[in-house]
């Protein structure tokens, strides 16, 4: 997988925006809340995303993964190299992260985005 392929998966979801934050991180958001962050200035390219609370420990301890800096307390994990997961795995985890973040949006934001 590469950054462009991850972009396509992310943007296939409704109301997704993308922006560069902190000078070198490509962030995919829904309702201004991030669900995937890709480190642009790293080699290999890393990425972070939100997982279910019950998945956090298992995924964090997999080879090539770790708790995401600054956001681990919110159950975010980081993969050190985006090429280490298959397209099918990426589709699953991006969709799950998107849904977890979307579900936490306020009713007002959900209405603005057309989900209600």
N, C-alpha and C. Protein backbone atom coordinates (compact mmCIF):
# COMPACT_ATOMS: atom_id res chain seq x y z
N UNK A 1 0.85 -1.19 0.00
CA UNK A 1 0.00 0.00 0.00
C UNK A 1 0.89 1.25 0.00
N UNK A 2 0.34 2.29 -0.59
CA UNK A 2 1.04 3.57 -0.58
C UNK A 2 0.06 4.67 -0.16
N UNK A 3 0.56 5.88 -0.04
CA UNK A 3 -0.27 6.99 0.43
C UNK A 3 -1.48 7.22 -0.48
N UNK A 4 -1.27 7.16 -1.78
CA UNK A 4 -2.37 7.41 -2.72
C UNK A 4 -3.47 6.37 -2.57
N UNK A 5 -3.10 5.12 -2.35
CA UNK A 5 -4.11 4.07 -2.16
C UNK A 5 -4.88 4.28 -0.86
N UNK A 6 -4.20 4.72 0.18
CA UNK A 6 -4.89 5.02 1.44
C UNK A 6 -5.83 6.22 1.28
N UNK A 7 -5.40 7.20 0.49
CA UNK A 7 -6.27 8.35 0.19
C UNK A 7 -7.57 7.90 -0.44
N UNK A 8 -7.49 7.02 -1.41
CA UNK A 8 -8.68 6.53 -2.12
C UNK A 8 -9.62 5.83 -1.14
N UNK A 9 -9.07 4.99 -0.27
CA UNK A 9 -9.91 4.29 0.71
C UNK A 9 -10.59 5.29 1.64
N UNK A 10 -9.83 6.23 2.16
CA UNK A 10 -10.39 7.23 3.08
C UNK A 10 -11.48 8.05 2.42
N UNK A 11 -11.22 8.53 1.22
CA UNK A 11 -12.15 9.43 0.55
C UNK A 11 -13.38 8.71 0.00
N UNK A 12 -13.39 7.38 0.07
CA UNK A 12 -14.59 6.65 -0.35
C UNK A 12 -15.68 6.76 0.72
N UNK A 13 -15.34 7.25 1.90
CA UNK A 13 -16.31 7.47 2.97
C UNK A 13 -16.93 8.86 2.83
N UNK A 14 -18.11 8.99 3.37
CA UNK A 14 -18.86 10.24 3.29
C UNK A 14 -18.26 11.35 4.15
N UNK A 15 -18.26 12.57 3.64
CA UNK A 15 -17.90 13.79 4.37
C UNK A 15 -16.46 13.81 4.88
N UNK A 16 -15.56 13.15 4.18
CA UNK A 16 -14.15 13.11 4.60
C UNK A 16 -13.42 14.33 4.04
N UNK A 17 -12.60 14.94 4.89
CA UNK A 17 -11.73 16.02 4.46
C UNK A 17 -10.29 15.59 4.72
N UNK A 18 -9.38 16.21 4.00
CA UNK A 18 -7.97 15.90 4.21
C UNK A 18 -7.20 17.21 4.30
N UNK A 19 -6.20 17.22 5.17
CA UNK A 19 -5.38 18.42 5.33
C UNK A 19 -4.02 18.02 5.90
N UNK A 20 -3.09 18.94 5.76
CA UNK A 20 -1.76 18.76 6.33
C UNK A 20 -1.76 19.48 7.69
N UNK A 21 -1.40 18.76 8.73
CA UNK A 21 -1.31 19.36 10.07
C UNK A 21 0.12 19.18 10.57
N UNK A 22 0.53 20.07 11.43
CA UNK A 22 1.85 20.02 12.06
C UNK A 22 2.98 20.00 11.03
N UNK A 23 2.70 20.50 9.83
CA UNK A 23 3.73 20.65 8.82
C UNK A 23 4.06 19.41 8.01
N UNK A 24 3.80 18.22 8.53
CA UNK A 24 4.22 17.03 7.80
C UNK A 24 3.33 15.80 8.00
N UNK A 25 2.12 15.99 8.50
CA UNK A 25 1.20 14.87 8.69
C UNK A 25 -0.04 15.07 7.84
N UNK A 26 -0.35 14.07 7.04
CA UNK A 26 -1.56 14.09 6.22
C UNK A 26 -2.67 13.50 7.06
N UNK A 27 -3.68 14.31 7.35
CA UNK A 27 -4.77 13.92 8.25
C UNK A 27 -6.08 13.79 7.48
N UNK A 28 -6.77 12.70 7.74
CA UNK A 28 -8.10 12.47 7.18
C UNK A 28 -9.09 12.61 8.32
N UNK A 29 -10.12 13.44 8.08
CA UNK A 29 -11.04 13.81 9.15
C UNK A 29 -12.49 13.66 8.71
N UNK A 30 -13.34 13.54 9.72
CA UNK A 30 -14.78 13.65 9.54
C UNK A 30 -15.25 14.60 10.63
N UNK A 31 -15.98 15.64 10.22
CA UNK A 31 -16.42 16.63 11.19
C UNK A 31 -15.26 17.24 11.95
N UNK A 32 -14.15 17.45 11.28
CA UNK A 32 -12.92 18.02 11.83
C UNK A 32 -12.25 17.15 12.90
N UNK A 33 -12.66 15.89 12.99
CA UNK A 33 -12.04 14.94 13.91
C UNK A 33 -11.25 13.92 13.09
N UNK A 34 -10.01 13.71 13.44
CA UNK A 34 -9.13 12.81 12.67
C UNK A 34 -9.51 11.35 12.87
N UNK A 35 -9.37 10.57 11.78
CA UNK A 35 -9.52 9.13 11.90
C UNK A 35 -8.33 8.38 11.30
N UNK A 36 -7.47 9.07 10.55
CA UNK A 36 -6.23 8.49 10.05
C UNK A 36 -5.20 9.60 9.88
N UNK A 37 -3.99 9.35 10.34
CA UNK A 37 -2.89 10.31 10.20
C UNK A 37 -1.71 9.57 9.58
N UNK A 38 -1.18 10.12 8.49
CA UNK A 38 -0.05 9.53 7.79
C UNK A 38 1.14 10.47 7.91
N UNK A 39 2.26 9.93 8.36
CA UNK A 39 3.50 10.73 8.47
C UNK A 39 4.15 10.85 7.11
N UNK A 40 4.22 12.05 6.58
CA UNK A 40 4.73 12.26 5.23
C UNK A 40 6.24 12.35 5.14
N UNK A 41 6.91 12.70 6.22
CA UNK A 41 8.35 12.93 6.14
C UNK A 41 9.16 11.78 6.71
N UNK A 42 8.57 10.60 6.76
CA UNK A 42 9.25 9.46 7.35
C UNK A 42 9.48 8.38 6.30
N UNK A 43 10.54 7.64 6.49
CA UNK A 43 10.81 6.51 5.63
C UNK A 43 11.22 5.35 6.52
N UNK A 44 10.46 4.30 6.56
CA UNK A 44 9.21 4.06 5.83
C UNK A 44 8.08 4.96 6.34
N UNK A 45 7.02 5.02 5.57
CA UNK A 45 5.88 5.86 5.90
C UNK A 45 5.05 5.20 7.00
N UNK A 46 4.81 5.94 8.07
CA UNK A 46 4.01 5.42 9.18
C UNK A 46 2.60 6.01 9.12
N UNK A 47 1.69 5.39 9.87
CA UNK A 47 0.32 5.89 9.95
C UNK A 47 -0.26 5.52 11.31
N UNK A 48 -1.24 6.30 11.75
CA UNK A 48 -1.91 6.04 13.02
C UNK A 48 -3.42 6.10 12.80
N UNK A 49 -4.13 5.26 13.54
CA UNK A 49 -5.59 5.19 13.42
C UNK A 49 -6.18 4.68 14.73
N UNK A 50 -7.47 4.91 14.90
CA UNK A 50 -8.19 4.52 16.11
C UNK A 50 -8.68 3.08 15.96
N UNK A 51 -8.63 2.33 17.07
CA UNK A 51 -9.14 0.95 17.09
C UNK A 51 -10.09 0.79 18.27
N UNK A 52 -10.80 -0.32 18.27
CA UNK A 52 -11.67 -0.64 19.40
C UNK A 52 -10.84 -0.86 20.66
N UNK A 53 -11.41 -0.51 21.79
CA UNK A 53 -10.69 -0.66 23.06
C UNK A 53 -10.19 -2.09 23.24
N UNK A 54 -11.02 -3.07 22.90
CA UNK A 54 -10.62 -4.47 23.09
C UNK A 54 -9.56 -4.95 22.09
N UNK A 55 -9.31 -4.19 21.03
CA UNK A 55 -8.27 -4.53 20.06
C UNK A 55 -6.93 -3.87 20.38
N UNK A 56 -6.97 -2.82 21.17
CA UNK A 56 -5.80 -1.96 21.35
C UNK A 56 -4.55 -2.72 21.81
N UNK A 57 -4.64 -3.48 22.87
CA UNK A 57 -3.47 -4.18 23.40
C UNK A 57 -2.91 -5.17 22.38
N UNK A 58 -3.80 -5.94 21.77
CA UNK A 58 -3.35 -6.95 20.81
C UNK A 58 -2.63 -6.31 19.62
N UNK A 59 -3.24 -5.28 19.03
CA UNK A 59 -2.64 -4.65 17.85
C UNK A 59 -1.35 -3.91 18.24
N UNK A 60 -1.37 -3.24 19.37
CA UNK A 60 -0.17 -2.50 19.82
C UNK A 60 1.03 -3.41 20.01
N UNK A 61 0.78 -4.66 20.35
CA UNK A 61 1.89 -5.58 20.61
C UNK A 61 2.32 -6.37 19.36
N UNK A 62 1.61 -6.21 18.25
CA UNK A 62 2.02 -6.87 17.01
C UNK A 62 3.33 -6.26 16.51
N UNK A 63 4.13 -7.06 15.85
CA UNK A 63 5.37 -6.55 15.29
C UNK A 63 5.06 -5.45 14.28
N UNK A 64 5.79 -4.35 14.37
CA UNK A 64 5.60 -3.23 13.46
C UNK A 64 4.57 -2.22 13.94
N UNK A 65 3.92 -2.48 15.07
CA UNK A 65 2.91 -1.58 15.64
C UNK A 65 3.37 -1.10 17.01
N UNK A 66 2.77 0.00 17.44
CA UNK A 66 2.98 0.49 18.80
C UNK A 66 1.83 1.43 19.14
N UNK A 67 1.63 1.70 20.43
CA UNK A 67 0.64 2.72 20.78
C UNK A 67 1.04 4.05 20.13
N UNK A 68 0.10 4.75 19.57
CA UNK A 68 0.41 6.00 18.88
C UNK A 68 0.80 7.09 19.88
N UNK A 69 1.91 7.80 19.60
CA UNK A 69 2.31 8.90 20.49
C UNK A 69 1.18 9.93 20.63
N UNK A 70 0.99 10.40 21.84
CA UNK A 70 0.01 11.45 22.19
C UNK A 70 -1.45 10.99 22.16
N UNK A 71 -1.79 9.95 21.39
CA UNK A 71 -3.20 9.57 21.26
C UNK A 71 -3.49 8.14 21.72
N UNK A 72 -2.50 7.45 22.25
CA UNK A 72 -2.71 6.07 22.69
C UNK A 72 -3.82 5.98 23.74
N UNK A 73 -3.93 6.99 24.58
CA UNK A 73 -4.98 6.93 25.62
C UNK A 73 -6.38 6.93 25.01
N UNK A 74 -6.49 7.35 23.76
CA UNK A 74 -7.77 7.31 23.05
C UNK A 74 -7.88 6.08 22.15
N UNK A 75 -6.97 5.12 22.36
CA UNK A 75 -6.95 3.84 21.64
C UNK A 75 -6.54 4.00 20.18
N UNK A 76 -5.51 4.79 19.97
CA UNK A 76 -4.91 4.93 18.64
C UNK A 76 -3.64 4.10 18.61
N UNK A 77 -3.42 3.44 17.48
CA UNK A 77 -2.19 2.68 17.27
C UNK A 77 -1.44 3.24 16.06
N UNK A 78 -0.14 2.96 16.03
CA UNK A 78 0.69 3.41 14.92
C UNK A 78 1.35 2.20 14.27
N UNK A 79 1.29 2.17 12.95
CA UNK A 79 2.03 1.16 12.20
C UNK A 79 3.28 1.85 11.65
N UNK A 80 4.41 1.22 11.82
CA UNK A 80 5.68 1.85 11.43
C UNK A 80 5.88 1.93 9.93
N UNK A 81 5.24 1.03 9.17
CA UNK A 81 5.38 1.02 7.72
C UNK A 81 4.04 0.63 7.11
N UNK A 82 3.43 1.56 6.37
CA UNK A 82 2.10 1.30 5.81
C UNK A 82 2.07 0.12 4.85
N UNK A 83 3.22 -0.28 4.35
CA UNK A 83 3.28 -1.42 3.42
C UNK A 83 3.12 -2.76 4.13
N UNK A 84 3.16 -2.75 5.46
CA UNK A 84 3.09 -3.99 6.23
C UNK A 84 1.68 -4.55 6.35
N UNK A 85 0.66 -3.79 5.96
CA UNK A 85 -0.71 -4.30 5.99
C UNK A 85 -1.22 -4.43 4.56
N UNK A 86 -2.10 -5.40 4.36
CA UNK A 86 -2.70 -5.61 3.04
C UNK A 86 -3.80 -4.58 2.79
N UNK A 87 -4.21 -4.49 1.55
CA UNK A 87 -5.31 -3.58 1.20
C UNK A 87 -6.56 -3.94 1.99
N UNK A 88 -6.84 -5.24 2.11
CA UNK A 88 -8.02 -5.69 2.84
C UNK A 88 -7.96 -5.26 4.30
N UNK A 89 -6.78 -5.40 4.94
CA UNK A 89 -6.61 -4.96 6.33
C UNK A 89 -6.81 -3.45 6.44
N UNK A 90 -6.20 -2.70 5.51
CA UNK A 90 -6.35 -1.25 5.54
C UNK A 90 -7.81 -0.85 5.38
N UNK A 91 -8.52 -1.48 4.47
CA UNK A 91 -9.94 -1.15 4.29
C UNK A 91 -10.71 -1.37 5.58
N UNK A 92 -10.44 -2.48 6.25
CA UNK A 92 -11.12 -2.79 7.50
C UNK A 92 -10.80 -1.74 8.57
N UNK A 93 -9.52 -1.48 8.81
CA UNK A 93 -9.14 -0.58 9.91
C UNK A 93 -9.49 0.88 9.62
N UNK A 94 -9.41 1.30 8.37
CA UNK A 94 -9.82 2.67 8.04
C UNK A 94 -11.32 2.83 8.24
N UNK A 95 -12.10 1.88 7.77
CA UNK A 95 -13.56 1.94 7.93
C UNK A 95 -13.92 1.92 9.42
N UNK A 96 -13.25 1.07 10.17
CA UNK A 96 -13.53 1.00 11.61
C UNK A 96 -13.17 2.30 12.31
N UNK A 97 -12.01 2.86 12.02
CA UNK A 97 -11.60 4.11 12.63
C UNK A 97 -12.57 5.24 12.27
N UNK A 98 -12.93 5.30 10.99
CA UNK A 98 -13.90 6.29 10.52
C UNK A 98 -15.21 6.17 11.31
N UNK A 99 -15.71 4.95 11.46
CA UNK A 99 -16.97 4.73 12.16
C UNK A 99 -16.87 5.09 13.64
N UNK A 100 -15.77 4.73 14.27
CA UNK A 100 -15.59 5.06 15.69
C UNK A 100 -15.59 6.57 15.91
N UNK A 101 -14.91 7.29 15.04
CA UNK A 101 -14.86 8.75 15.17
C UNK A 101 -16.21 9.36 14.81
N UNK A 102 -16.82 8.90 13.75
CA UNK A 102 -18.13 9.41 13.32
C UNK A 102 -19.17 9.23 14.42
N UNK A 103 -19.16 8.08 15.08
CA UNK A 103 -20.15 7.80 16.13
C UNK A 103 -20.02 8.74 17.31
N UNK A 104 -18.84 9.30 17.53
CA UNK A 104 -18.61 10.20 18.67
C UNK A 104 -18.92 11.67 18.35
N UNK A 105 -19.24 11.97 17.09
CA UNK A 105 -19.55 13.35 16.72
C UNK A 105 -20.83 13.80 17.40
N UNK A 106 -20.91 15.08 17.65
CA UNK A 106 -22.12 15.63 18.27
C UNK A 106 -23.29 15.55 17.30
N UNK A 107 -24.49 15.59 17.83
CA UNK A 107 -25.69 15.57 17.01
C UNK A 107 -25.68 16.74 16.03
N UNK A 108 -25.24 17.90 16.51
CA UNK A 108 -25.18 19.10 15.67
C UNK A 108 -24.28 18.87 14.45
N UNK A 109 -23.10 18.33 14.68
CA UNK A 109 -22.16 18.07 13.58
C UNK A 109 -22.72 17.00 12.65
N UNK A 110 -23.31 15.94 13.21
CA UNK A 110 -23.91 14.89 12.37
C UNK A 110 -25.00 15.46 11.47
N UNK A 111 -25.79 16.39 12.00
CA UNK A 111 -26.82 17.04 11.18
C UNK A 111 -26.19 17.88 10.08
N UNK A 112 -25.15 18.65 10.42
CA UNK A 112 -24.47 19.47 9.43
C UNK A 112 -23.88 18.64 8.30
N UNK A 113 -23.42 17.44 8.64
CA UNK A 113 -22.81 16.56 7.64
C UNK A 113 -23.83 15.71 6.90
N UNK A 114 -25.11 15.80 7.31
CA UNK A 114 -26.17 15.08 6.62
C UNK A 114 -26.34 13.63 7.05
N UNK A 115 -25.86 13.28 8.23
CA UNK A 115 -26.00 11.91 8.73
C UNK A 115 -27.30 11.70 9.47
N UNK A 116 -27.95 12.80 9.84
CA UNK A 116 -29.23 12.70 10.57
C UNK A 116 -30.29 13.45 9.78
